[in-house]
Amino acid sequence: MKTFRLAALAAALLAAGHALAAEADFPATPPAPGPAPKLTVPAPAVETLANGLQVVSVRRDGLPLVTAELLLRRGGELDPAGKAGLADLTATLLTKGAAGLGAPQIAAAAETLGGSLDASAGWDQSTLGITVTTPKLPAALALLAKVARQPAFSEDEIKRARAQALDELHLTLSQPTSLASLAAARATFGDGAYGHPRGGTPASLAAISRADLQRMHATIYRPDNAVLILTGDIAPAQAKALAQQSFGDWMPPATPLAAAPAGKGEGRLPPVLLIDQHGAGQAGVVAAHASPPRSDADYYTGAVANAVLGGSYSARLNEEIRIKRGLSYGANSRLEGRRDSGLWLATAQTKNPSAAQVVELMQGEFARLGDTPVPEAELAARKATLIGGYGRSLETTAGLAAQVGALATYGVDLAEIGRYIERVQAVTPAQVQHYAAGHLDRAGTHVVVAGDAAQFAPAIRKAHPQAQVLPMDALDLDRADLRAPSGAAKPAAH
């Protein structure tokens, strides 16, 4: 009887909901975006210490919080051949022991200050940062200096960090879309500095020694390659004084700073590559293009073009692949601006038999963006998405530091942090079309599909006869052609 009553109540509520929905006057289309918000960001103040350390501060009153980020202008692009993942592992180990402190002691010291110390490496940059209340900032900077300048690189911590990196890598290689993304980057950049997996490979991680870590640290972590970014409740004069106090005696080495290598090299892969993960439940479809560097004058045009193509749920790729056809839980794209050459990557995961259809849909959307101007209403909606996301990224001191760091990494005028909205709003449909035609052409597309190739290779080869199949057990991410030498022993990927 109780069950019956509950069922009757649920039915009544559902009926009432339908009646209300029927009566409501919902618009057939979403409302137009409102006016762009006014963004007020103080101009960053820049000072340079005698040792070459650049100090950048952005004052934000209101809360007694400061984010301190030490930015180094080199990262994974400096990984030597056969040592992919070295810069990443170097950054990871900074917080695992330094200046006589072990990992638990460093973590406890940061927690005592009310923050946590985070270190990482990316392409073209490595970072170490912490957010604390204003009174704790001097102590936080002292801790930051110890960790950045005097890492221990103990053998026990190296083994532990290597094991964790391998676990993460094995997970990545088991996921079709992640695997296809790594291969697509290799197809795009070839044997250039951006071609290898920044997190490493099974073989490269095993080959990294303590001496390698020490050499990489000496190469990257030096004051004439560093920017100390302080955002929040701090004045420029105070920022310089505190930087001098904690980093003023940090002397640059006599050797010159390593030159940034070319990101793009010789490519050795076919335009369409099919990686056979026999038995995989789904396929990962990735299409990649090289793009201009971050410092390019058309950066904002590229950002808007990417927002139209796949930068949000309602963008074109997701509309065509998920919403209209139900072929994926989500299709998207991203544009990564780097120092030497950027990367435009579109991704979707789908059923193995529908992979060929997704490839054609992706390429069709690339072509449409370059062939036809984007309607003004669609462009306005995508701009609103970009502007809203940017505004939210500046709401915290850590987000503000990250945006300043992105500009500092690539030598972009730091005042651009306050010009983002006007730069995005100024992009026209004609500019988007011209940019897409120049950088998303079919001839420059690199397509990688990873999954159970028996279920999609025949269909893809009908449209792309040059497509090649690479068995998973022959895959070698350390090589520009991704193929392990015949008969060579290769560390297990999974």
Protein backbone atom coordinates (compact mmCIF):
# COMPACT_ATOMS: atom_id res chain seq x y z
CA MET A 1 0.00 0.00 0.00
CA LYS A 2 2.86 2.36 0.89
CA THR A 3 4.56 1.63 -2.43
CA PHE A 4 1.32 2.36 -4.29
CA ARG A 5 0.92 5.73 -2.54
CA LEU A 6 4.50 6.73 -3.36
CA ALA A 7 3.98 5.78 -6.99
CA ALA A 8 0.74 7.75 -7.14
CA LEU A 9 2.43 10.81 -5.60
CA ALA A 10 5.31 10.60 -8.07
CA ALA A 11 2.88 10.38 -10.97
CA ALA A 12 0.95 13.40 -9.70
CA LEU A 13 4.11 15.45 -9.33
CA LEU A 14 5.27 14.47 -12.82
CA ALA A 15 1.92 15.43 -14.32
CA ALA A 16 2.02 18.78 -12.53
CA GLY A 17 5.51 19.39 -13.85
CA HIS A 18 4.42 18.68 -17.42
CA ALA A 19 1.46 21.04 -17.02
CA LEU A 20 3.67 23.85 -15.73
CA ALA A 21 6.16 23.30 -18.54
CA ALA A 22 3.36 23.41 -21.10
CA GLU A 23 2.05 26.66 -19.69
CA ALA A 24 5.45 28.31 -19.48
CA ASP A 25 6.39 30.51 -22.39
CA PHE A 26 9.90 29.17 -23.00
CA PRO A 27 11.75 30.78 -25.90
CA ALA A 28 12.53 28.55 -28.87
CA THR A 29 16.13 29.77 -28.91
CA PRO A 30 18.47 30.89 -26.12
CA PRO A 31 18.51 34.63 -25.43
CA ALA A 32 21.18 36.72 -27.10
CA PRO A 33 24.37 37.34 -25.11
CA GLY A 34 24.32 40.47 -22.98
CA PRO A 35 26.89 43.24 -23.23
CA ALA A 36 30.48 42.30 -22.45
CA PRO A 37 31.46 42.97 -18.84
CA LYS A 38 33.89 45.71 -17.96
CA LEU A 39 37.19 44.19 -16.90
CA THR A 40 39.41 46.20 -14.61
CA VAL A 41 42.83 44.69 -13.99
CA PRO A 42 45.67 46.85 -12.65
CA ALA A 43 48.65 47.01 -15.00
CA PRO A 44 51.36 44.60 -13.80
CA ALA A 45 54.38 46.30 -12.22
CA VAL A 46 57.75 44.92 -13.35
CA GLU A 47 61.13 45.14 -11.62
CA THR A 48 64.36 43.24 -12.30
CA LEU A 49 66.85 42.29 -9.61
CA ALA A 50 70.61 42.48 -10.17
CA ASN A 51 70.79 38.70 -10.65
CA GLY A 52 68.35 38.84 -13.58
CA LEU A 53 65.22 37.70 -11.69
CA GLN A 54 62.18 39.53 -13.00
CA VAL A 55 59.60 40.48 -10.36
CA VAL A 56 56.04 41.05 -11.56
CA SER A 57 53.31 42.17 -9.18
CA VAL A 58 49.62 42.85 -9.68
CA ARG A 59 47.87 44.49 -6.75
CA ARG A 60 44.36 43.45 -5.84
CA ASP A 61 42.90 44.90 -2.66
CA GLY A 62 39.98 43.47 -0.75
CA LEU A 63 41.32 40.23 0.66
CA PRO A 64 44.60 39.71 2.56
CA LEU A 65 45.76 36.98 0.14
CA VAL A 66 48.79 36.73 -2.14
CA THR A 67 49.74 34.09 -4.69
CA ALA A 68 53.46 33.68 -5.26
CA GLU A 69 54.47 31.84 -8.43
CA LEU A 70 58.04 31.26 -9.52
CA LEU A 71 57.99 30.83 -13.28
CA LEU A 72 60.92 29.40 -15.26
CA ARG A 73 60.84 30.00 -19.02
CA ARG A 74 61.79 26.48 -20.08
CA GLY A 75 60.06 23.12 -19.74
CA GLY A 76 59.47 19.82 -21.50
CA GLU A 77 60.86 21.06 -24.82
CA LEU A 78 64.33 20.69 -23.27
CA ASP A 79 63.95 16.95 -22.63
CA PRO A 80 66.93 15.22 -24.28
CA ALA A 81 66.39 12.44 -26.80
CA GLY A 82 65.44 9.25 -24.99
CA LYS A 83 64.70 11.17 -21.75
CA ALA A 84 61.11 12.30 -22.35
CA GLY A 85 59.51 13.37 -19.09
CA LEU A 86 62.73 14.69 -17.55
CA ALA A 87 61.55 18.29 -17.03
CA ASP A 88 58.24 17.04 -15.65
CA LEU A 89 59.94 14.67 -13.22
CA THR A 90 62.38 17.40 -12.17
CA ALA A 91 59.52 19.73 -11.24
CA THR A 92 57.62 16.98 -9.42
CA LEU A 93 60.62 16.19 -7.23
CA LEU A 94 61.20 19.77 -6.08
CA THR A 95 58.62 19.44 -3.30
CA LYS A 96 59.80 15.93 -2.34
CA GLY A 97 62.94 17.05 -0.54
CA ALA A 98 65.06 20.22 -0.41
CA ALA A 99 67.48 22.12 1.84
CA GLY A 100 67.57 19.32 4.42
CA LEU A 101 63.79 18.98 4.53
CA GLY A 102 61.98 15.79 3.50
CA ALA A 103 58.70 15.70 1.58
CA PRO A 104 56.53 15.46 4.75
CA GLN A 105 58.38 18.40 6.31
CA ILE A 106 57.96 20.56 3.21
CA ALA A 107 54.25 19.74 3.07
CA ALA A 108 53.88 20.48 6.79
CA ALA A 109 55.71 23.80 6.45
CA ALA A 110 53.36 24.87 3.64
CA GLU A 111 50.31 23.76 5.62
CA THR A 112 51.51 25.74 8.64
CA LEU A 113 51.46 28.80 6.41
CA GLY A 114 47.91 27.95 5.35
CA GLY A 115 48.77 26.91 1.81
CA SER A 116 50.11 24.09 -0.31
CA LEU A 117 53.20 24.09 -2.48
CA ASP A 118 52.57 23.01 -6.08
CA ALA A 119 55.21 22.37 -8.75
CA SER A 120 54.78 21.34 -12.38
CA ALA A 121 56.33 21.60 -15.82
CA GLY A 122 54.67 22.26 -19.15
CA TRP A 123 55.82 23.18 -22.61
CA ASP A 124 58.08 26.26 -22.44
CA GLN A 125 57.68 26.75 -18.68
CA SER A 126 58.06 25.21 -15.23
CA THR A 127 56.30 26.63 -12.16
CA LEU A 128 56.36 26.49 -8.40
CA GLY A 129 53.65 28.31 -6.46
CA ILE A 130 51.79 28.86 -3.20
CA THR A 131 48.89 31.04 -2.00
CA VAL A 132 48.95 32.41 1.56
CA THR A 133 47.59 35.25 3.65
CA THR A 134 49.57 38.48 3.41
CA PRO A 135 51.34 38.21 6.81
CA LYS A 136 52.64 34.73 5.85
CA LEU A 137 54.14 35.85 2.53
CA PRO A 138 57.77 36.37 3.69
CA ALA A 139 57.90 32.85 5.16
CA ALA A 140 56.19 31.42 2.07
CA LEU A 141 58.77 33.03 -0.23
CA ALA A 142 61.60 31.69 1.92
CA LEU A 143 60.15 28.19 1.56
CA LEU A 144 59.66 28.69 -2.17
CA ALA A 145 63.32 29.72 -2.53
CA LYS A 146 64.60 26.67 -0.64
CA VAL A 147 62.57 24.24 -2.72
CA ALA A 148 63.42 25.85 -6.05
CA ARG A 149 67.13 26.31 -5.37
CA GLN A 150 68.18 23.32 -3.24
CA PRO A 151 66.29 20.17 -4.29
CA ALA A 152 67.60 16.90 -2.83
CA PHE A 153 66.62 14.46 -5.61
CA SER A 154 66.95 11.54 -3.20
CA GLU A 155 67.02 8.10 -4.80
CA ASP A 156 64.01 6.93 -2.77
CA GLU A 157 61.90 9.87 -3.94
CA ILE A 158 63.08 9.41 -7.52
CA LYS A 159 61.92 5.78 -7.47
CA ARG A 160 58.59 6.79 -5.98
CA ALA A 161 58.01 9.61 -8.46
CA ARG A 162 59.03 7.38 -11.38
CA ALA A 163 56.58 4.68 -10.27
CA GLN A 164 53.76 7.22 -10.03
CA ALA A 165 54.59 8.63 -13.46
CA LEU A 166 54.54 5.13 -14.94
CA ASP A 167 51.15 4.40 -13.37
CA GLU A 168 49.73 7.59 -14.89
CA LEU A 169 51.30 6.76 -18.24
CA HIS A 170 49.87 3.25 -18.29
CA LEU A 171 46.42 4.71 -17.67
CA THR A 172 46.92 7.24 -20.48
CA LEU A 173 48.02 4.59 -22.95
CA SER A 174 44.98 2.44 -22.13
CA GLN A 175 42.59 5.26 -23.10
CA PRO A 176 42.05 5.50 -26.88
CA THR A 177 41.58 9.28 -27.06
CA SER A 178 44.59 10.03 -24.85
CA LEU A 179 46.76 7.65 -26.84
CA ALA A 180 45.59 9.13 -30.14
CA SER A 181 46.35 12.63 -28.83
CA LEU A 182 49.96 11.69 -28.05
CA ALA A 183 50.37 10.16 -31.49
CA ALA A 184 48.77 13.19 -33.15
CA ALA A 185 51.26 15.50 -31.46
CA ARG A 186 54.08 13.32 -32.77
CA ALA A 187 52.54 13.45 -36.25
CA THR A 188 52.31 17.25 -36.06
CA PHE A 189 55.74 18.05 -34.63
CA GLY A 190 57.73 15.04 -35.82
CA ASP A 191 61.21 14.92 -34.30
CA GLY A 192 60.91 18.50 -33.04
CA ALA A 193 61.00 19.46 -29.36
CA TYR A 194 57.20 19.32 -28.99
CA GLY A 195 56.81 15.89 -30.57
CA HIS A 196 57.58 13.60 -27.63
CA PRO A 197 55.18 12.86 -24.74
CA ARG A 198 55.95 15.48 -22.10
CA GLY A 199 55.06 13.03 -19.31
CA GLY A 200 57.53 10.46 -20.60
CA THR A 201 57.36 6.94 -21.99
CA PRO A 202 57.99 3.60 -20.30
CA ALA A 203 61.52 3.48 -21.76
CA SER A 204 62.42 7.13 -21.11
CA LEU A 205 61.24 7.18 -17.52
CA ALA A 206 63.29 4.08 -16.78
CA ALA A 207 66.36 5.75 -18.31
CA ILE A 208 66.26 8.96 -16.24
CA SER A 209 68.96 9.09 -13.55
CA ARG A 210 69.63 11.39 -10.62
CA ALA A 211 72.44 13.02 -12.61
CA ASP A 212 69.95 13.77 -15.42
CA LEU A 213 67.64 15.48 -12.93
CA GLN A 214 70.48 17.55 -11.49
CA ARG A 215 71.57 18.67 -14.97
CA MET A 216 68.02 19.62 -15.94
CA HIS A 217 67.60 21.55 -12.70
CA ALA A 218 70.83 23.47 -13.30
CA THR A 219 69.71 24.25 -16.86
CA ILE A 220 66.23 25.55 -16.05
CA TYR A 221 66.25 26.81 -12.47
CA ARG A 222 68.39 29.95 -12.57
CA PRO A 223 67.50 33.57 -11.78
CA ASP A 224 68.13 34.91 -15.27
CA ASN A 225 65.49 32.46 -16.55
CA ALA A 226 62.97 33.17 -13.79
CA VAL A 227 59.98 35.42 -13.15
CA LEU A 228 58.57 35.82 -9.65
CA ILE A 229 54.87 36.68 -9.96
CA LEU A 230 53.05 38.09 -6.93
CA THR A 231 49.31 38.78 -7.23
CA GLY A 232 46.94 40.00 -4.55
CA ASP A 233 47.35 42.19 -1.50
CA ILE A 234 50.85 43.50 -2.22
CA ALA A 235 52.36 46.76 -3.48
CA PRO A 236 55.14 46.84 -6.10
CA ALA A 237 57.75 48.18 -3.67
CA GLN A 238 56.93 45.45 -1.15
CA ALA A 239 57.10 42.82 -3.91
CA LYS A 240 60.59 43.88 -4.91
CA ALA A 241 61.82 44.04 -1.31
CA LEU A 242 60.52 40.55 -0.48
CA ALA A 243 61.93 39.14 -3.72
CA GLN A 244 65.34 40.61 -2.88
CA GLN A 245 65.14 39.15 0.62
CA SER A 246 64.48 35.57 -0.52
CA PHE A 247 66.08 35.44 -3.97
CA GLY A 248 68.62 38.28 -4.08
CA ASP A 249 71.60 36.02 -3.33
CA TRP A 250 70.62 33.50 -6.03
CA MET A 251 73.49 33.83 -8.49
CA PRO A 252 73.20 32.91 -12.17
CA PRO A 253 75.68 30.36 -13.48
CA ALA A 254 78.50 31.40 -15.78
CA THR A 255 77.15 29.27 -18.63
CA PRO A 256 74.64 30.99 -20.92
CA LEU A 257 70.98 30.05 -20.81
CA ALA A 258 70.11 27.14 -23.10
CA ALA A 259 68.50 28.27 -26.34
CA ALA A 260 64.91 27.22 -26.89
CA PRO A 261 64.89 24.40 -29.47
CA ALA A 262 62.65 24.28 -32.53
CA GLY A 263 59.28 22.84 -31.56
CA LYS A 264 58.42 21.49 -35.00
CA GLY A 265 60.67 19.07 -36.83
CA GLU A 266 60.55 16.57 -39.64
CA GLY A 267 57.36 14.54 -39.75
CA ARG A 268 57.49 10.82 -40.56
CA LEU A 269 53.89 9.72 -40.22
CA PRO A 270 51.09 9.35 -42.78
CA PRO A 271 48.24 11.90 -42.79
CA VAL A 272 45.92 9.23 -41.34
CA LEU A 273 47.22 6.76 -38.75
CA LEU A 274 45.15 3.96 -37.21
CA ILE A 275 46.48 2.50 -33.95
CA ASP A 276 45.13 -0.98 -33.34
CA GLN A 277 44.20 -1.51 -29.70
CA HIS A 278 42.72 -4.92 -30.30
CA GLY A 279 39.65 -5.44 -28.16
CA ALA A 280 39.25 -1.78 -27.19
CA GLY A 281 35.63 -0.95 -26.39
CA GLN A 282 35.68 2.43 -28.13
CA ALA A 283 37.75 4.47 -30.55
CA GLY A 284 39.48 7.79 -29.93
CA VAL A 285 39.42 10.12 -32.94
CA VAL A 286 41.87 13.01 -32.99
CA ALA A 287 42.63 15.57 -35.69
CA ALA A 288 45.59 17.91 -35.23
CA HIS A 289 47.13 20.91 -36.97
CA ALA A 290 50.16 23.01 -36.30
CA SER A 291 49.19 26.57 -35.39
CA PRO A 292 51.05 29.88 -35.03
CA PRO A 293 53.02 30.52 -31.83
CA ARG A 294 51.45 32.31 -28.86
CA SER A 295 53.18 35.57 -29.74
CA ASP A 296 51.50 35.67 -33.18
CA ALA A 297 49.45 38.79 -33.91
CA ASP A 298 46.43 36.63 -34.83
CA TYR A 299 46.32 34.81 -31.47
CA TYR A 300 42.91 36.21 -30.53
CA THR A 301 41.47 35.35 -33.95
CA GLY A 302 42.63 31.77 -33.38
CA ALA A 303 41.07 31.71 -29.92
CA VAL A 304 37.70 32.84 -31.32
CA ALA A 305 37.93 30.38 -34.22
CA ASN A 306 38.56 27.55 -31.77
CA ALA A 307 35.60 28.69 -29.65
CA VAL A 308 33.37 28.37 -32.72
CA LEU A 309 34.75 24.98 -33.68
CA GLY A 310 34.93 23.12 -30.40
CA GLY A 311 35.59 25.28 -27.38
CA SER A 312 32.27 24.65 -25.60
CA TYR A 313 29.28 22.32 -25.40
CA SER A 314 27.30 24.30 -27.96
CA ALA A 315 30.21 24.67 -30.42
CA ARG A 316 30.11 23.09 -33.86
CA LEU A 317 31.96 19.82 -33.28
CA ASN A 318 29.78 18.85 -30.32
CA GLU A 319 26.66 20.01 -32.14
CA GLU A 320 27.36 17.83 -35.17
CA ILE A 321 28.85 14.78 -33.49
CA ARG A 322 27.00 14.51 -30.18
CA ILE A 323 23.81 16.55 -30.27
CA LYS A 324 22.64 15.83 -33.82
CA ARG A 325 23.94 12.28 -34.24
CA GLY A 326 24.64 10.86 -30.78
CA LEU A 327 28.02 9.50 -31.86
CA SER A 328 29.95 10.62 -28.78
CA TYR A 329 29.46 11.88 -25.25
CA GLY A 330 31.47 14.93 -26.21
CA ALA A 331 33.53 16.35 -29.06
CA ASN A 332 35.74 19.38 -28.58
CA SER A 333 38.85 21.18 -29.67
CA ARG A 334 41.58 23.22 -28.03
CA LEU A 335 44.21 25.64 -29.24
CA GLU A 336 47.57 25.65 -27.48
CA GLY A 337 49.82 28.60 -28.20
CA ARG A 338 53.49 27.80 -27.57
CA ARG A 339 56.81 29.55 -28.05
CA ASP A 340 57.79 28.10 -31.41
CA SER A 341 54.68 26.50 -32.91
CA GLY A 342 51.24 25.94 -31.45
CA LEU A 343 48.89 22.97 -31.63
CA TRP A 344 45.23 22.78 -32.60
CA LEU A 345 43.70 19.49 -31.42
CA ALA A 346 40.14 18.21 -31.99
CA THR A 347 39.05 15.07 -30.12
CA ALA A 348 36.07 12.75 -29.76
CA GLN A 349 35.53 9.25 -28.40
CA THR A 350 33.01 7.09 -30.20
CA LYS A 351 31.96 3.52 -30.93
CA ASN A 352 34.51 1.70 -33.06
CA PRO A 353 32.16 1.27 -36.06
CA SER A 354 31.33 5.01 -36.13
CA ALA A 355 34.96 6.22 -36.09
CA ALA A 356 35.04 6.69 -39.88
CA GLN A 357 31.95 8.90 -39.76
CA VAL A 358 33.43 11.02 -36.96
CA VAL A 359 36.64 11.54 -38.97
CA GLU A 360 34.63 12.91 -41.90
CA LEU A 361 32.50 15.12 -39.66
CA MET A 362 35.59 16.63 -38.07
CA GLN A 363 37.22 17.38 -41.38
CA GLY A 364 33.96 18.76 -42.70
CA GLU A 365 33.74 21.23 -39.83
CA PHE A 366 37.35 22.32 -40.37
CA ALA A 367 36.55 23.01 -44.02
CA ARG A 368 33.29 24.84 -43.24
CA LEU A 369 35.07 27.21 -40.87
CA GLY A 370 37.48 28.21 -43.65
CA ASP A 371 34.92 28.26 -46.47
CA THR A 372 32.02 30.22 -44.97
CA PRO A 373 31.88 33.25 -42.65
CA VAL A 374 30.53 32.53 -39.18
CA PRO A 375 27.09 34.14 -38.69
CA GLU A 376 27.23 37.18 -36.42
CA ALA A 377 24.86 35.70 -33.81
CA GLU A 378 26.92 32.52 -33.52
CA LEU A 379 30.14 34.50 -33.29
CA ALA A 380 28.70 36.72 -30.56
CA ALA A 381 27.69 33.68 -28.51
CA ARG A 382 31.13 32.11 -28.79
CA LYS A 383 32.83 35.38 -27.86
CA ALA A 384 30.61 35.62 -24.79
CA THR A 385 31.75 32.14 -23.75
CA LEU A 386 35.40 33.12 -24.10
CA ILE A 387 34.99 36.38 -22.24
CA GLY A 388 33.01 34.78 -19.42
CA GLY A 389 35.63 32.07 -18.97
CA TYR A 390 38.43 34.61 -18.94
CA GLY A 391 36.69 36.78 -16.38
CA ARG A 392 36.17 33.78 -14.09
CA SER A 393 39.85 32.86 -14.40
CA LEU A 394 40.78 36.21 -12.87
CA GLU A 395 38.53 35.89 -9.84
CA THR A 396 41.24 34.31 -7.68
CA THR A 397 44.80 35.45 -7.04
CA ALA A 398 46.03 32.08 -8.31
CA GLY A 399 44.07 32.46 -11.55
CA LEU A 400 45.40 35.98 -11.99
CA ALA A 401 48.98 34.72 -11.48
CA ALA A 402 48.43 31.98 -14.05
CA GLN A 403 47.23 34.47 -16.68
CA VAL A 404 50.18 36.78 -16.01
CA GLY A 405 52.51 33.78 -16.19
CA ALA A 406 51.12 32.75 -19.58
CA LEU A 407 51.99 36.19 -20.96
CA ALA A 408 55.41 36.30 -19.29
CA THR A 409 56.35 32.86 -20.63
CA TYR A 410 56.07 34.00 -24.23
CA GLY A 411 57.26 37.59 -23.89
CA VAL A 412 53.82 39.05 -24.59
CA ASP A 413 53.17 42.56 -23.30
CA LEU A 414 51.87 42.04 -19.74
CA ALA A 415 49.35 44.85 -20.21
CA GLU A 416 47.46 42.46 -22.51
CA ILE A 417 45.90 40.99 -19.39
CA GLY A 418 43.52 43.97 -19.31
CA ARG A 419 42.87 44.05 -23.07
CA TYR A 420 41.48 40.56 -23.53
CA ILE A 421 37.82 41.57 -23.89
CA GLU A 422 38.46 44.27 -26.49
CA ARG A 423 40.80 41.97 -28.46
CA VAL A 424 38.20 39.18 -28.58
CA GLN A 425 35.34 41.55 -29.38
CA ALA A 426 37.30 43.02 -32.29
CA VAL A 427 37.57 39.69 -34.17
CA THR A 428 35.40 39.63 -37.31
CA PRO A 429 33.81 36.75 -39.26
CA ALA A 430 36.15 37.46 -42.16
CA GLN A 431 39.19 37.17 -39.90
CA VAL A 432 38.00 33.84 -38.50
CA GLN A 433 37.40 32.51 -42.00
CA HIS A 434 40.82 33.66 -43.21
CA TYR A 435 42.56 32.19 -40.16
CA ALA A 436 40.80 28.82 -40.53
CA ALA A 437 41.52 28.66 -44.25
CA GLY A 438 45.21 29.20 -43.54
CA HIS A 439 45.63 26.92 -40.53
CA LEU A 440 42.94 24.23 -40.78
CA ASP A 441 43.38 23.15 -44.37
CA ARG A 442 42.85 19.47 -45.14
CA ALA A 443 46.40 19.09 -46.50
CA GLY A 444 47.85 20.02 -43.12
CA THR A 445 45.57 17.77 -41.07
CA HIS A 446 46.98 14.86 -39.08
CA VAL A 447 44.31 12.31 -38.14
CA VAL A 448 44.88 9.53 -35.61
CA VAL A 449 42.28 6.94 -34.63
CA ALA A 450 43.03 4.53 -31.79
CA GLY A 451 40.79 1.58 -31.02
CA ASP A 452 39.84 -1.84 -32.37
CA ALA A 453 41.04 -1.19 -35.93
CA ALA A 454 39.28 -4.22 -37.40
CA GLN A 455 36.01 -2.37 -36.84
CA PHE A 456 36.93 0.92 -38.52
CA ALA A 457 40.02 0.50 -40.71
CA PRO A 458 38.19 -0.75 -43.85
CA ALA A 459 35.73 2.17 -43.83
CA ILE A 460 38.42 4.78 -43.18
CA ARG A 461 40.66 3.36 -45.91
CA LYS A 462 37.84 3.75 -48.44
CA ALA A 463 38.00 7.52 -47.96
CA HIS A 464 41.72 7.63 -47.12
CA PRO A 465 43.59 4.91 -49.02
CA GLN A 466 46.91 6.14 -47.62
CA ALA A 467 45.85 5.37 -44.02
CA GLN A 468 48.25 3.01 -42.21
CA VAL A 469 47.53 0.62 -39.34
CA LEU A 470 50.02 0.44 -36.46
CA PRO A 471 49.59 -2.48 -34.03
CA MET A 472 49.76 -1.45 -30.39
CA ASP A 473 52.59 -3.87 -29.68
CA ALA A 474 54.70 -2.15 -32.36
CA LEU A 475 54.10 1.37 -30.99
CA ASP A 476 57.16 3.25 -29.71
CA LEU A 477 56.39 6.80 -28.56
CA ASP A 478 60.10 7.63 -28.28
CA ARG A 479 60.50 7.46 -32.08
CA ALA A 480 59.32 10.06 -34.58
CA ASP A 481 57.82 7.33 -36.77
CA LEU A 482 56.19 5.68 -33.70
CA ARG A 483 57.40 2.26 -34.85
CA ALA A 484 59.63 0.10 -32.68
CA PRO A 485 62.61 -1.31 -34.63
CA SER A 486 61.93 -4.82 -35.86
CA GLY A 487 62.85 -7.34 -33.17
CA ALA A 488 63.65 -4.66 -30.57
CA ALA A 489 62.56 -5.26 -27.00
CA LYS A 490 60.12 -2.57 -25.87
CA PRO A 491 58.96 -1.88 -22.27
CA ALA A 492 55.38 -2.94 -21.68
CA ALA A 493 52.91 -0.11 -22.18
CA HIS A 494 50.13 -1.80 -20.27
